[in-house]
């Protein structure tokens, strides 16, 4: 499959047969990130991952498109799109537009003890690429490509490094980077590469700019 980085925490996966799966087309990504998708996955309800208006527009534009997500998101869309919005949780497996998907995780990372935790799930696609959403979930099987949440109110650099090392994927691709300017991206890039602590011998770090693609 081919992975295209969209804005912030959104990625687009394309199969050899042309079918497209989009994960987390939220409000910090391109407005048309979900348009044309055959399947859409959403990890949780925060607006940088879930934009209701944009998702409704994508589902209306493509009558065959379907959405898989957790209950907090599904409840906002299922009545308008009967049979096309699927509620999933930890331990579930399903096929979406020809992609095999496994679900891991249950809760969003702690932002602050004063803020209630919401639900969050991660998606492992075709046993190849794992999107954890806003959590440091470690799947119960090997991962080849980890979508690494680079920067957020709920994480710090040491946690990002330790998480990537624990997963031990062959490569980590940066996501959740929409709040960083070029200076910040440079600092993260140096520290996650050979000039800094890095991610260990097992994992190579790459950041794709929005619109760039790589073959998995």
Protein backbone atom coordinates (compact mmCIF):
# COMPACT_ATOMS: atom_id res chain seq x y z
CA UNK A 1 0.00 0.00 0.00
CA UNK A 2 0.95 3.63 -0.34
CA UNK A 3 0.77 6.07 2.59
CA UNK A 4 0.21 9.77 2.03
CA UNK A 5 0.67 12.15 4.92
CA UNK A 6 -2.11 14.69 5.29
CA UNK A 7 -2.18 17.53 7.79
CA UNK A 8 -1.54 16.89 11.50
CA UNK A 9 -2.67 13.36 12.47
CA UNK A 10 -4.38 12.36 9.20
CA UNK A 11 -3.01 9.78 6.78
CA UNK A 12 -4.37 8.34 3.54
CA UNK A 13 -3.66 4.72 2.59
CA UNK A 14 -4.07 3.53 -1.00
CA UNK A 15 -4.19 -0.13 -2.05
CA UNK A 16 -2.78 -1.39 -5.33
CA UNK A 17 -6.37 -1.74 -6.57
CA UNK A 18 -6.96 1.97 -5.98
CA UNK A 19 -9.18 1.73 -2.91
CA UNK A 20 -8.53 4.41 -0.30
CA UNK A 21 -8.71 4.42 3.50
CA UNK A 22 -8.34 7.65 5.51
CA UNK A 23 -7.56 7.86 9.22
CA UNK A 24 -8.43 10.86 11.42
CA UNK A 25 -9.38 13.57 8.90
CA UNK A 26 -9.83 16.21 11.59
CA UNK A 27 -10.02 19.96 11.71
CA UNK A 28 -6.24 20.47 11.56
CA UNK A 29 -5.97 18.53 8.30
CA UNK A 30 -6.95 19.57 4.78
CA UNK A 31 -10.66 20.31 4.40
CA UNK A 32 -10.97 17.69 1.65
CA UNK A 33 -8.85 15.00 3.36
CA UNK A 34 -11.76 12.52 3.58
CA UNK A 35 -13.31 13.23 0.19
CA UNK A 36 -13.00 10.27 -2.14
CA UNK A 37 -12.27 7.77 0.62
CA UNK A 38 -13.81 4.30 0.42
CA UNK A 39 -13.36 3.82 4.17
CA UNK A 40 -12.70 6.21 7.05
CA UNK A 41 -11.36 5.42 10.53
CA UNK A 42 -11.56 7.86 13.46
CA UNK A 43 -9.68 7.25 16.70
CA UNK A 44 -11.58 9.64 18.99
CA UNK A 45 -13.77 12.71 19.25
CA UNK A 46 -11.29 15.57 19.65
CA UNK A 47 -11.67 18.10 16.82
CA UNK A 48 -8.14 17.71 15.49
CA UNK A 49 -9.09 14.09 14.69
CA UNK A 50 -12.85 14.33 14.10
CA UNK A 51 -14.59 17.09 12.16
CA UNK A 52 -18.28 16.24 11.93
CA UNK A 53 -19.04 18.58 9.05
CA UNK A 54 -16.20 17.33 6.91
CA UNK A 55 -17.06 13.70 7.61
CA UNK A 56 -20.71 14.26 6.73
CA UNK A 57 -19.65 15.89 3.46
CA UNK A 58 -17.39 12.93 2.59
CA UNK A 59 -20.07 10.35 3.35
CA UNK A 60 -22.68 12.28 1.39
CA UNK A 61 -20.35 12.64 -1.60
CA UNK A 62 -19.57 8.91 -1.74
CA UNK A 63 -22.64 6.75 -0.98
CA UNK A 64 -20.49 3.64 -0.78
CA UNK A 65 -18.06 5.04 1.79
CA UNK A 66 -18.21 3.70 5.35
CA UNK A 67 -16.90 4.82 8.74
CA UNK A 68 -15.46 2.75 11.59
CA UNK A 69 -14.98 4.46 14.94
CA UNK A 70 -15.75 4.36 18.65
CA UNK A 71 -19.18 5.02 20.13
CA UNK A 72 -18.66 8.70 21.03
CA UNK A 73 -18.16 9.53 17.34
CA UNK A 74 -20.50 6.93 15.85
CA UNK A 75 -23.44 8.23 17.88
CA UNK A 76 -23.13 11.62 16.18
CA UNK A 77 -23.33 10.20 12.64
CA UNK A 78 -25.05 6.81 12.61
CA UNK A 79 -28.63 8.12 12.33
CA UNK A 80 -27.80 10.10 9.19
CA UNK A 81 -25.97 7.21 7.50
CA UNK A 82 -27.75 3.98 8.49
CA UNK A 83 -25.68 0.86 7.97
CA UNK A 84 -22.56 2.83 7.06
CA UNK A 85 -21.24 3.85 10.50
CA UNK A 86 -19.73 1.00 12.53
CA UNK A 87 -18.91 1.09 16.24
CA UNK A 88 -15.75 -0.81 17.18
CA UNK A 89 -13.54 -1.24 20.23
CA UNK A 90 -10.45 -2.94 21.60
CA UNK A 91 -10.04 -6.48 20.29
CA UNK A 92 -12.27 -6.05 17.25
CA UNK A 93 -11.17 -6.91 13.73
CA UNK A 94 -12.83 -6.05 10.44
CA UNK A 95 -12.27 -5.42 6.75
CA UNK A 96 -12.66 -1.89 5.39
CA UNK A 97 -12.37 -1.29 1.63
CA UNK A 98 -10.20 -4.40 1.39
CA UNK A 99 -7.89 -3.40 4.24
CA UNK A 100 -7.69 -5.71 7.25
CA UNK A 101 -8.00 -3.66 10.46
CA UNK A 102 -7.42 -4.57 14.11
CA UNK A 103 -8.43 -2.31 17.01
CA UNK A 104 -6.26 -1.69 20.08
CA UNK A 105 -6.65 0.59 23.09
CA UNK A 106 -9.45 2.12 25.10
CA UNK A 107 -8.50 5.49 26.63
CA UNK A 108 -6.99 8.79 25.57
CA UNK A 109 -3.69 9.67 27.24
CA UNK A 110 -3.91 11.85 30.36
CA UNK A 111 -3.76 15.55 29.47
CA UNK A 112 -4.14 16.71 33.09
CA UNK A 113 -5.81 15.11 36.11
CA UNK A 114 -8.37 17.94 36.15
CA UNK A 115 -9.59 16.92 32.69
CA UNK A 116 -11.72 13.78 32.37
CA UNK A 117 -10.26 11.11 30.11
CA UNK A 118 -12.19 10.21 26.99
CA UNK A 119 -12.14 7.01 24.98
CA UNK A 120 -9.55 6.46 22.23
CA UNK A 121 -8.77 3.54 19.96
CA UNK A 122 -5.85 2.75 17.67
CA UNK A 123 -5.97 0.99 14.31
CA UNK A 124 -3.50 -1.56 12.92
CA UNK A 125 -3.99 -1.75 9.15
CA UNK A 126 -3.01 -4.87 7.19
CA UNK A 127 -0.65 -5.82 10.00
CA UNK A 128 1.64 -3.09 8.67
CA UNK A 129 0.85 0.40 9.95
CA UNK A 130 -0.41 1.37 13.40
CA UNK A 131 -2.16 4.66 14.20
CA UNK A 132 -2.54 4.97 17.99
CA UNK A 133 -4.65 8.13 18.02
CA UNK A 134 -3.91 10.12 21.18
CA UNK A 135 -2.39 7.38 23.30
CA UNK A 136 0.78 5.36 23.72
CA UNK A 137 -0.93 2.05 23.03
CA UNK A 138 1.36 -0.88 22.28
CA UNK A 139 -0.32 -3.43 19.98
CA UNK A 140 -0.23 -7.08 20.96
CA UNK A 141 1.70 -8.02 17.82
CA UNK A 142 4.71 -6.69 15.86
CA UNK A 143 4.29 -3.43 13.95
CA UNK A 144 6.30 -2.54 10.87
CA UNK A 145 5.31 1.13 10.63
CA UNK A 146 4.34 3.21 13.68
CA UNK A 147 2.58 6.53 13.19
CA UNK A 148 4.30 8.37 16.02
CA UNK A 149 2.40 11.19 17.80
CA UNK A 150 5.17 13.75 17.81
CA UNK A 151 3.80 16.67 19.83
CA UNK A 152 0.66 17.24 21.89
CA UNK A 153 -0.58 18.69 25.20
CA UNK A 154 -0.62 15.11 26.51
CA UNK A 155 2.96 14.04 25.77
CA UNK A 156 6.58 15.02 26.23
CA UNK A 157 9.67 14.15 24.25
CA UNK A 158 10.98 11.44 26.59
CA UNK A 159 7.62 9.66 26.45
CA UNK A 160 7.60 9.78 22.65
CA UNK A 161 11.05 8.20 22.52
CA UNK A 162 10.24 5.52 25.08
CA UNK A 163 6.97 4.67 23.33
CA UNK A 164 8.63 4.21 19.95
CA UNK A 165 11.34 2.07 21.51
CA UNK A 166 8.76 -0.11 23.26
CA UNK A 167 6.79 -0.70 20.05
CA UNK A 168 10.03 -1.44 18.20
CA UNK A 169 8.67 -0.85 14.71
CA UNK A 170 11.00 -0.86 11.71
CA UNK A 171 10.12 2.76 11.08
CA UNK A 172 8.32 5.58 12.84
CA UNK A 173 6.53 8.19 10.73
CA UNK A 174 5.67 11.46 12.43
CA UNK A 175 2.03 12.45 12.91
CA UNK A 176 0.29 14.80 15.35
CA UNK A 177 2.68 17.60 14.42
CA UNK A 178 0.25 20.35 13.43
CA UNK A 179 1.13 22.59 16.37
CA UNK A 180 4.85 22.70 15.52
CA UNK A 181 6.49 25.37 13.37
CA UNK A 182 9.60 24.72 11.28
CA UNK A 183 11.89 25.44 14.22
CA UNK A 184 10.12 22.90 16.42
CA UNK A 185 10.07 20.28 13.68
CA UNK A 186 13.82 20.73 13.27
CA UNK A 187 14.43 20.23 16.99
CA UNK A 188 12.34 17.06 17.05
CA UNK A 189 13.99 15.75 13.89
CA UNK A 190 17.50 16.19 15.29
CA UNK A 191 16.66 14.60 18.64
CA UNK A 192 14.88 11.63 17.08
CA UNK A 193 17.74 11.04 14.66
CA UNK A 194 21.46 10.26 15.04
CA UNK A 195 22.21 13.67 16.60
CA UNK A 196 19.97 12.95 19.59
CA UNK A 197 18.83 10.03 21.73
CA UNK A 198 17.09 8.53 18.70
CA UNK A 199 14.62 5.67 18.72
CA UNK A 200 17.05 2.81 19.13
CA UNK A 201 18.70 0.57 16.57
CA UNK A 202 15.44 -1.11 15.52
CA UNK A 203 13.50 1.98 14.46
CA UNK A 204 14.22 4.60 11.82
CA UNK A 205 12.50 7.98 12.09
CA UNK A 206 10.98 9.88 9.14
CA UNK A 207 8.70 12.88 8.85
CA UNK A 208 6.69 13.32 5.68
CA UNK A 209 5.43 16.79 4.83
CA UNK A 210 1.71 17.01 4.13
CA UNK A 211 1.14 15.69 0.61
CA UNK A 212 4.24 13.50 0.57
CA UNK A 213 3.92 9.72 0.14
CA UNK A 214 5.84 6.54 0.81
CA UNK A 215 5.32 2.89 -0.12
CA UNK A 216 4.87 0.46 2.77
